[in-house]
Amino acid sequence: MKQGRNASWPAGLVFNFMNYKEIKEKVVNFLKEIKSESKKVVWPGRDYVTAASIIVLVIVFLVAGFIMLVDFSFAKFFGYMARGGMH
């Protein structure tokens, strides 16, 4: 073992840089900042959320229908081609 190295070096490393009191202080400060910032958020109204949700669902179903139509068309086309196509 080199001179000047502590045998508990890895375990004690965290507490050499930051003790328990500092960790607790930083966590409490972080939680206070979260509370402060969440008060600044402007939450959307119920009508907006409902309208946006309906729009999203309609678009999802339209895209799903389009993908289903394309998939069905490709399946029919390649099935037809696999059976010999036009003779």
PDB file of N, CA and C in Angstrom:
ATOM      1  N   MET A   1       0.835  -1.177   0.000  1.00  0.00           N
ATOM      2  CA  MET A   1       0.000   0.000   0.000  1.00  0.00           C
ATOM      3  C   MET A   1       0.883   1.244   0.000  1.00  0.00           C
ATOM      4  N   LYS A   2       0.520   2.200  -0.863  1.00  0.00           N
ATOM      5  CA  LYS A   2       1.311   3.427  -0.956  1.00  0.00           C
ATOM      6  C   LYS A   2       1.115   4.282   0.279  1.00  0.00           C
ATOM      7  N   GLN A   3       2.107   5.076   0.541  1.00  0.00           N
ATOM      8  CA  GLN A   3       2.027   5.994   1.669  1.00  0.00           C
ATOM      9  C   GLN A   3       0.979   7.067   1.416  1.00  0.00           C
ATOM     10  N   GLY A   4       0.222   7.402   2.443  1.00  0.00           N
ATOM     11  CA  GLY A   4      -0.751   8.474   2.308  1.00  0.00           C
ATOM     12  C   GLY A   4      -2.121   8.003   1.874  1.00  0.00           C
ATOM     13  N   ARG A   5      -2.250   6.731   1.529  1.00  0.00           N
ATOM     14  CA  ARG A   5      -3.560   6.219   1.129  1.00  0.00           C
ATOM     15  C   ARG A   5      -4.256   5.596   2.319  1.00  0.00           C
ATOM     16  N   ASN A   6      -5.518   5.876   2.431  1.00  0.00           N
ATOM     17  CA  ASN A   6      -6.332   5.337   3.500  1.00  0.00           C
ATOM     18  C   ASN A   6      -6.900   4.001   3.040  1.00  0.00           C
ATOM     19  N   ALA A   7      -6.933   2.991   3.928  1.00  0.00           N
ATOM     20  CA  ALA A   7      -7.443   1.664   3.572  1.00  0.00           C
ATOM     21  C   ALA A   7      -8.927   1.705   3.253  1.00  0.00           C
ATOM     22  N   SER A   8      -9.666   2.640   3.815  1.00  0.00           N
ATOM     23  CA  SER A   8     -11.105   2.722   3.553  1.00  0.00           C
ATOM     24  C   SER A   8     -11.398   3.740   2.453  1.00  0.00           C
ATOM     25  N   TRP A   9     -10.469   3.934   1.561  1.00  0.00           N
ATOM     26  CA  TRP A   9     -10.585   4.966   0.531  1.00  0.00           C
ATOM     27  C   TRP A   9     -11.877   4.879  -0.278  1.00  0.00           C
ATOM     28  N   PRO A  10     -12.240   3.731  -0.876  1.00  0.00           N
ATOM     29  CA  PRO A  10     -13.468   3.745  -1.697  1.00  0.00           C
ATOM     30  C   PRO A  10     -14.728   4.026  -0.888  1.00  0.00           C
ATOM     31  N   ALA A  11     -14.839   3.421   0.276  1.00  0.00           N
ATOM     32  CA  ALA A  11     -16.057   3.597   1.080  1.00  0.00           C
ATOM     33  C   ALA A  11     -16.164   5.008   1.634  1.00  0.00           C
ATOM     34  N   GLY A  12     -15.060   5.601   2.008  1.00  0.00           N
ATOM     35  CA  GLY A  12     -15.084   6.920   2.621  1.00  0.00           C
ATOM     36  C   GLY A  12     -15.026   8.059   1.640  1.00  0.00           C
ATOM     37  N   LEU A  13     -14.922   7.759   0.357  1.00  0.00           N
ATOM     38  CA  LEU A  13     -14.760   8.791  -0.662  1.00  0.00           C
ATOM     39  C   LEU A  13     -15.924   9.776  -0.675  1.00  0.00           C
ATOM     40  N   VAL A  14     -17.149   9.271  -0.613  1.00  0.00           N
ATOM     41  CA  VAL A  14     -18.317  10.144  -0.684  1.00  0.00           C
ATOM     42  C   VAL A  14     -18.325  11.103   0.494  1.00  0.00           C
ATOM     43  N   PHE A  15     -18.027  10.602   1.681  1.00  0.00           N
ATOM     44  CA  PHE A  15     -18.089  11.443   2.861  1.00  0.00           C
ATOM     45  C   PHE A  15     -16.897  12.380   2.979  1.00  0.00           C
ATOM     46  N   ASN A  16     -15.840  12.140   2.206  1.00  0.00           N
ATOM     47  CA  ASN A  16     -14.735  13.093   2.170  1.00  0.00           C
ATOM     48  C   ASN A  16     -15.144  14.353   1.418  1.00  0.00           C
ATOM     49  N   PHE A  17     -15.972  14.190   0.413  1.00  0.00           N
ATOM     50  CA  PHE A  17     -16.385  15.325  -0.400  1.00  0.00           C
ATOM     51  C   PHE A  17     -17.633  16.013   0.152  1.00  0.00           C
ATOM     52  N   MET A  18     -18.521  15.229   0.737  1.00  0.00           N
ATOM     53  CA  MET A  18     -19.791  15.787   1.135  1.00  0.00           C
ATOM     54  C   MET A  18     -20.284  15.017   2.360  1.00  0.00           C
ATOM     55  N   ASN A  19     -20.500  15.681   3.448  1.00  0.00           N
ATOM     56  CA  ASN A  19     -20.975  14.972   4.621  1.00  0.00           C
ATOM     57  C   ASN A  19     -22.493  14.884   4.622  1.00  0.00           C
ATOM     58  N   TYR A  20     -23.029  14.173   5.599  1.00  0.00           N
ATOM     59  CA  TYR A  20     -24.466  13.917   5.678  1.00  0.00           C
ATOM     60  C   TYR A  20     -25.276  15.210   5.723  1.00  0.00           C
ATOM     61  N   LYS A  21     -24.806  16.183   6.491  1.00  0.00           N
ATOM     62  CA  LYS A  21     -25.552  17.440   6.641  1.00  0.00           C
ATOM     63  C   LYS A  21     -25.678  18.163   5.292  1.00  0.00           C
ATOM     64  N   GLU A  22     -24.602  18.169   4.528  1.00  0.00           N
ATOM     65  CA  GLU A  22     -24.641  18.825   3.210  1.00  0.00           C
ATOM     66  C   GLU A  22     -25.576  18.092   2.266  1.00  0.00           C
ATOM     67  N   ILE A  23     -25.562  16.765   2.321  1.00  0.00           N
ATOM     68  CA  ILE A  23     -26.450  15.979   1.454  1.00  0.00           C
ATOM     69  C   ILE A  23     -27.903  16.284   1.806  1.00  0.00           C
ATOM     70  N   LYS A  24     -28.224  16.272   3.097  1.00  0.00           N
ATOM     71  CA  LYS A  24     -29.584  16.547   3.545  1.00  0.00           C
ATOM     72  C   LYS A  24     -30.011  17.946   3.117  1.00  0.00           C
ATOM     73  N   GLU A  25     -29.123  18.913   3.265  1.00  0.00           N
ATOM     74  CA  GLU A  25     -29.422  20.296   2.891  1.00  0.00           C
ATOM     75  C   GLU A  25     -29.705  20.410   1.398  1.00  0.00           C
ATOM     76  N   LYS A  26     -28.913  19.718   0.584  1.00  0.00           N
ATOM     77  CA  LYS A  26     -29.110  19.773  -0.869  1.00  0.00           C
ATOM     78  C   LYS A  26     -30.423  19.110  -1.274  1.00  0.00           C
ATOM     79  N   VAL A  27     -30.767  17.989  -0.638  1.00  0.00           N
ATOM     80  CA  VAL A  27     -32.027  17.305  -0.961  1.00  0.00           C
ATOM     81  C   VAL A  27     -33.217  18.178  -0.577  1.00  0.00           C
ATOM     82  N   VAL A  28     -33.182  18.764   0.603  1.00  0.00           N
ATOM     83  CA  VAL A  28     -34.274  19.632   1.053  1.00  0.00           C
ATOM     84  C   VAL A  28     -34.400  20.834   0.129  1.00  0.00           C
ATOM     85  N   ASN A  29     -33.286  21.431  -0.244  1.00  0.00           N
ATOM     86  CA  ASN A  29     -33.293  22.577  -1.161  1.00  0.00           C
ATOM     87  C   ASN A  29     -33.874  22.179  -2.518  1.00  0.00           C
ATOM     88  N   PHE A  30     -33.492  21.003  -3.007  1.00  0.00           N
ATOM     89  CA  PHE A  30     -33.999  20.513  -4.286  1.00  0.00           C
ATOM     90  C   PHE A  30     -35.518  20.345  -4.232  1.00  0.00           C
ATOM     91  N   LEU A  31     -36.025  19.753  -3.155  1.00  0.00           N
ATOM     92  CA  LEU A  31     -37.468  19.551  -3.017  1.00  0.00           C
ATOM     93  C   LEU A  31     -38.209  20.883  -2.910  1.00  0.00           C
ATOM     94  N   LYS A  32     -37.620  21.872  -2.242  1.00  0.00           N
ATOM     95  CA  LYS A  32     -38.236  23.203  -2.162  1.00  0.00           C
ATOM     96  C   LYS A  32     -38.304  23.853  -3.544  1.00  0.00           C
ATOM     97  N   GLU A  33     -37.238  23.673  -4.329  1.00  0.00           N
ATOM     98  CA  GLU A  33     -37.227  24.231  -5.682  1.00  0.00           C
ATOM     99  C   GLU A  33     -38.287  23.573  -6.559  1.00  0.00           C
ATOM    100  N   ILE A  34     -38.469  22.266  -6.401  1.00  0.00           N
ATOM    101  CA  ILE A  34     -39.503  21.563  -7.164  1.00  0.00           C
ATOM    102  C   ILE A  34     -40.877  22.143  -6.831  1.00  0.00           C
ATOM    103  N   LYS A  35     -41.140  22.321  -5.542  1.00  0.00           N
ATOM    104  CA  LYS A  35     -42.425  22.872  -5.113  1.00  0.00           C
ATOM    105  C   LYS A  35     -42.619  24.277  -5.681  1.00  0.00           C
ATOM    106  N   SER A  36     -41.575  25.091  -5.632  1.00  0.00           N
ATOM    107  CA  SER A  36     -41.645  26.462  -6.136  1.00  0.00           C
ATOM    108  C   SER A  36     -41.900  26.490  -7.645  1.00  0.00           C
ATOM    109  N   GLU A  37     -41.189  25.655  -8.377  1.00  0.00           N
ATOM    110  CA  GLU A  37     -41.348  25.632  -9.833  1.00  0.00           C
ATOM    111  C   GLU A  37     -42.708  25.083 -10.249  1.00  0.00           C
ATOM    112  N   SER A  38     -43.221  24.099  -9.510  1.00  0.00           N
ATOM    113  CA  SER A  38     -44.515  23.521  -9.880  1.00  0.00           C
ATOM    114  C   SER A  38     -45.655  24.515  -9.691  1.00  0.00           C
ATOM    115  N   LYS A  39     -45.458  25.509  -8.831  1.00  0.00           N
ATOM    116  CA  LYS A  39     -46.477  26.548  -8.657  1.00  0.00           C
ATOM    117  C   LYS A  39     -46.521  27.490  -9.859  1.00  0.00           C
ATOM    118  N   LYS A  40     -45.442  27.557 -10.639  1.00  0.00           N
ATOM    119  CA  LYS A  40     -45.370  28.444 -11.794  1.00  0.00           C
ATOM    120  C   LYS A  40     -45.995  27.824 -13.047  1.00  0.00           C
ATOM    121  N   VAL A  41     -46.267  26.525 -13.004  1.00  0.00           N
ATOM    122  CA  VAL A  41     -46.803  25.826 -14.167  1.00  0.00           C
ATOM    123  C   VAL A  41     -48.239  26.279 -14.414  1.00  0.00           C
ATOM    124  N   VAL A  42     -48.552  26.549 -15.668  1.00  0.00           N
ATOM    125  CA  VAL A  42     -49.917  26.896 -16.050  1.00  0.00           C
ATOM    126  C   VAL A  42     -50.546  25.624 -16.614  1.00  0.00           C
ATOM    127  N   TRP A  43     -51.432  25.033 -15.832  1.00  0.00           N
ATOM    128  CA  TRP A  43     -52.058  23.782 -16.238  1.00  0.00           C
ATOM    129  C   TRP A  43     -53.200  24.056 -17.209  1.00  0.00           C
ATOM    130  N   PRO A  44     -53.348  23.219 -18.247  1.00  0.00           N
ATOM    131  CA  PRO A  44     -54.440  23.428 -19.206  1.00  0.00           C
ATOM    132  C   PRO A  44     -55.788  23.108 -18.559  1.00  0.00           C
ATOM    133  N   GLY A  45     -56.826  23.746 -19.096  1.00  0.00           N
ATOM    134  CA  GLY A  45     -58.175  23.520 -18.581  1.00  0.00           C
ATOM    135  C   GLY A  45     -58.744  22.191 -19.050  1.00  0.00           C
ATOM    136  N   ARG A  46     -59.828  21.778 -18.437  1.00  0.00           N
ATOM    137  CA  ARG A  46     -60.463  20.500 -18.753  1.00  0.00           C
ATOM    138  C   ARG A  46     -60.926  20.443 -20.211  1.00  0.00           C
ATOM    139  N   ASP A  47     -61.489  21.541 -20.716  1.00  0.00           N
ATOM    140  CA  ASP A  47     -61.974  21.570 -22.104  1.00  0.00           C
ATOM    141  C   ASP A  47     -60.838  21.371 -23.095  1.00  0.00           C
ATOM    142  N   TYR A  48     -59.717  22.016 -22.832  1.00  0.00           N
ATOM    143  CA  TYR A  48     -58.555  21.880 -23.720  1.00  0.00           C
ATOM    144  C   TYR A  48     -58.026  20.448 -23.721  1.00  0.00           C
ATOM    145  N   VAL A  49     -57.916  19.868 -22.538  1.00  0.00           N
ATOM    146  CA  VAL A  49     -57.407  18.496 -22.430  1.00  0.00           C
ATOM    147  C   VAL A  49     -58.341  17.527 -23.144  1.00  0.00           C
ATOM    148  N   THR A  50     -59.640  17.715 -22.972  1.00  0.00           N
ATOM    149  CA  THR A  50     -60.614  16.844 -23.632  1.00  0.00           C
ATOM    150  C   THR A  50     -60.516  16.968 -25.147  1.00  0.00           C
ATOM    151  N   ALA A  51     -60.468  18.187 -25.656  1.00  0.00           N
ATOM    152  CA  ALA A  51     -60.384  18.403 -27.104  1.00  0.00           C
ATOM    153  C   ALA A  51     -59.080  17.842 -27.670  1.00  0.00           C
ATOM    154  N   ALA A  52     -57.982  18.086 -26.989  1.00  0.00           N
ATOM    155  CA  ALA A  52     -56.692  17.583 -27.472  1.00  0.00           C
ATOM    156  C   ALA A  52     -56.665  16.055 -27.460  1.00  0.00           C
ATOM    157  N   SER A  53     -57.253  15.451 -26.439  1.00  0.00           N
ATOM    158  CA  SER A  53     -57.289  13.988 -26.358  1.00  0.00           C
ATOM    159  C   SER A  53     -58.121  13.396 -27.493  1.00  0.00           C
ATOM    160  N   ILE A  54     -59.255  14.024 -27.800  1.00  0.00           N
ATOM    161  CA  ILE A  54     -60.101  13.543 -28.901  1.00  0.00           C
ATOM    162  C   ILE A  54     -59.356  13.661 -30.229  1.00  0.00           C
ATOM    163  N   ILE A  55     -58.678  14.777 -30.446  1.00  0.00           N
ATOM    164  CA  ILE A  55     -57.909  14.963 -31.684  1.00  0.00           C
ATOM    165  C   ILE A  55     -56.834  13.897 -31.807  1.00  0.00           C
ATOM    166  N   VAL A  56     -56.117  13.632 -30.723  1.00  0.00           N
ATOM    167  CA  VAL A  56     -55.061  12.612 -30.751  1.00  0.00           C
ATOM    168  C   VAL A  56     -55.652  11.243 -31.070  1.00  0.00           C
ATOM    169  N   LEU A  57     -56.764  10.887 -30.436  1.00  0.00           N
ATOM    170  CA  LEU A  57     -57.382   9.583 -30.695  1.00  0.00           C
ATOM    171  C   LEU A  57     -57.863   9.458 -32.143  1.00  0.00           C
ATOM    172  N   VAL A  58     -58.454  10.522 -32.679  1.00  0.00           N
ATOM    173  CA  VAL A  58     -58.912  10.489 -34.075  1.00  0.00           C
ATOM    174  C   VAL A  58     -57.726  10.294 -35.010  1.00  0.00           C
ATOM    175  N   ILE A  59     -56.641  11.026 -34.787  1.00  0.00           N
ATOM    176  CA  ILE A  59     -55.461  10.889 -35.643  1.00  0.00           C
ATOM    177  C   ILE A  59     -54.863   9.495 -35.524  1.00  0.00           C
ATOM    178  N   VAL A  60     -54.823   8.948 -34.309  1.00  0.00           N
ATOM    179  CA  VAL A  60     -54.288   7.595 -34.116  1.00  0.00           C
ATOM    180  C   VAL A  60     -55.113   6.589 -34.909  1.00  0.00           C
ATOM    181  N   PHE A  61     -56.446   6.689 -34.832  1.00  0.00           N
ATOM    182  CA  PHE A  61     -57.285   5.747 -35.568  1.00  0.00           C
ATOM    183  C   PHE A  61     -57.166   5.935 -37.080  1.00  0.00           C
ATOM    184  N   LEU A  62     -57.046   7.179 -37.538  1.00  0.00           N
ATOM    185  CA  LEU A  62     -56.869   7.413 -38.980  1.00  0.00           C
ATOM    186  C   LEU A  62     -55.546   6.826 -39.479  1.00  0.00           C
ATOM    187  N   VAL A  63     -54.474   7.045 -38.748  1.00  0.00           N
ATOM    188  CA  VAL A  63     -53.171   6.504 -39.149  1.00  0.00           C
ATOM    189  C   VAL A  63     -53.194   4.982 -39.087  1.00  0.00           C
ATOM    190  N   ALA A  64     -53.820   4.430 -38.044  1.00  0.00           N
ATOM    191  CA  ALA A  64     -53.918   2.969 -37.937  1.00  0.00           C
ATOM    192  C   ALA A  64     -54.718   2.405 -39.111  1.00  0.00           C
ATOM    193  N   GLY A  65     -55.799   3.071 -39.485  1.00  0.00           N
ATOM    194  CA  GLY A  65     -56.596   2.628 -40.637  1.00  0.00           C
ATOM    195  C   GLY A  65     -55.804   2.692 -41.927  1.00  0.00           C
ATOM    196  N   PHE A  66     -55.049   3.760 -42.097  1.00  0.00           N
ATOM    197  CA  PHE A  66     -54.224   3.894 -43.300  1.00  0.00           C
ATOM    198  C   PHE A  66     -53.175   2.793 -43.373  1.00  0.00           C
ATOM    199  N   ILE A  67     -52.496   2.545 -42.253  1.00  0.00           N
ATOM    200  CA  ILE A  67     -51.476   1.488 -42.226  1.00  0.00           C
ATOM    201  C   ILE A  67     -52.118   0.122 -42.496  1.00  0.00           C
ATOM    202  N   MET A  68     -53.313  -0.105 -41.931  1.00  0.00           N
ATOM    203  CA  MET A  68     -54.012  -1.367 -42.180  1.00  0.00           C
ATOM    204  C   MET A  68     -54.360  -1.510 -43.656  1.00  0.00           C
ATOM    205  N   LEU A  69     -54.820  -0.436 -44.281  1.00  0.00           N
ATOM    206  CA  LEU A  69     -55.162  -0.459 -45.708  1.00  0.00           C
ATOM    207  C   LEU A  69     -53.932  -0.738 -46.563  1.00  0.00           C
ATOM    208  N   VAL A  70     -52.828  -0.084 -46.278  1.00  0.00           N
ATOM    209  CA  VAL A  70     -51.587  -0.312 -47.021  1.00  0.00           C
ATOM    210  C   VAL A  70     -51.107  -1.742 -46.817  1.00  0.00           C
ATOM    211  N   ASP A  71     -51.152  -2.233 -45.589  1.00  0.00           N
ATOM    212  CA  ASP A  71     -50.723  -3.604 -45.297  1.00  0.00           C
ATOM    213  C   ASP A  71     -51.598  -4.610 -46.039  1.00  0.00           C
ATOM    214  N   PHE A  72     -52.912  -4.408 -46.008  1.00  0.00           N
ATOM    215  CA  PHE A  72     -53.831  -5.300 -46.704  1.00  0.00           C
ATOM    216  C   PHE A  72     -53.559  -5.285 -48.209  1.00  0.00           C
ATOM    217  N   SER A  73     -53.329  -4.084 -48.752  1.00  0.00           N
ATOM    218  CA  SER A  73     -53.062  -3.965 -50.189  1.00  0.00           C
ATOM    219  C   SER A  73     -51.772  -4.676 -50.577  1.00  0.00           C
ATOM    220  N   PHE A  74     -50.707  -4.486 -49.807  1.00  0.00           N
ATOM    221  CA  PHE A  74     -49.447  -5.175 -50.093  1.00  0.00           C
ATOM    222  C   PHE A  74     -49.603  -6.685 -49.971  1.00  0.00           C
ATOM    223  N   ALA A  75     -50.342  -7.137 -48.967  1.00  0.00           N
ATOM    224  CA  ALA A  75     -50.538  -8.575 -48.778  1.00  0.00           C
ATOM    225  C   ALA A  75     -51.273  -9.165 -49.970  1.00  0.00           C
ATOM    226  N   LYS A  76     -52.308  -8.497 -50.432  1.00  0.00           N
ATOM    227  CA  LYS A  76     -53.059  -8.978 -51.602  1.00  0.00           C
ATOM    228  C   LYS A  76     -52.188  -8.969 -52.855  1.00  0.00           C
ATOM    229  N   PHE A  77     -51.446  -7.868 -53.042  1.00  0.00           N
ATOM    230  CA  PHE A  77     -50.607  -7.749 -54.238  1.00  0.00           C
ATOM    231  C   PHE A  77     -49.532  -8.832 -54.268  1.00  0.00           C
ATOM    232  N   PHE A  78     -48.796  -8.972 -53.153  1.00  0.00           N
ATOM    233  CA  PHE A  78     -47.708  -9.955 -53.144  1.00  0.00           C
ATOM    234  C   PHE A  78     -48.241 -11.384 -53.116  1.00  0.00           C
ATOM    235  N   GLY A  79     -49.422 -11.578 -52.547  1.00  0.00           N
ATOM    236  CA  GLY A  79     -50.053 -12.902 -52.613  1.00  0.00           C
ATOM    237  C   GLY A  79     -50.427 -13.241 -54.046  1.00  0.00           C
ATOM    238  N   TYR A  80     -50.951 -12.278 -54.759  1.00  0.00           N
ATOM    239  CA  TYR A  80     -51.303 -12.452 -56.172  1.00  0.00           C
ATOM    240  C   TYR A  80     -50.046 -12.742 -56.995  1.00  0.00           C
ATOM    241  N   MET A  81     -48.976 -11.991 -56.737  1.00  0.00           N
ATOM    242  CA  MET A  81     -47.730 -12.190 -57.472  1.00  0.00           C
ATOM    243  C   MET A  81     -47.121 -13.554 -57.148  1.00  0.00           C
ATOM    244  N   ALA A  82     -47.250 -14.026 -55.919  1.00  0.00           N
ATOM    245  CA  ALA A  82     -46.686 -15.311 -55.524  1.00  0.00           C
ATOM    246  C   ALA A  82     -47.440 -16.453 -56.198  1.00  0.00           C
ATOM    247  N   ARG A  83     -48.723 -16.257 -56.512  1.00  0.00           N
ATOM    248  CA  ARG A  83     -49.497 -17.280 -57.175  1.00  0.00           C
ATOM    249  C   ARG A  83     -49.282 -17.302 -58.690  1.00  0.00           C
ATOM    250  N   GLY A  84     -48.450 -16.446 -59.153  1.00  0.00           N
ATOM    251  CA  GLY A  84     -48.138 -16.450 -60.581  1.00  0.00           C
ATOM    252  C   GLY A  84     -48.458 -15.191 -61.317  1.00  0.00           C
ATOM    253  N   GLY A  85     -49.144 -14.288 -60.673  1.00  0.00           N
ATOM    254  CA  GLY A  85     -49.441 -13.011 -61.310  1.00  0.00           C
ATOM    255  C   GLY A  85     -50.338 -13.168 -62.524  1.00  0.00           C
ATOM    256  N   MET A  86     -50.111 -12.364 -63.533  1.00  0.00           N
ATOM    257  CA  MET A  86     -50.921 -12.397 -64.741  1.00  0.00           C
ATOM    258  C   MET A  86     -50.275 -13.312 -65.761  1.00  0.00           C
ATOM    259  N   HIS A  87     -50.994 -14.337 -66.141  1.00  0.00           N
ATOM    260  CA  HIS A  87     -50.487 -15.232 -67.194  1.00  0.00           C
ATOM    261  C   HIS A  87     -51.231 -14.997 -68.458  1.00  0.00           C
TER     262      HIS A  87
END
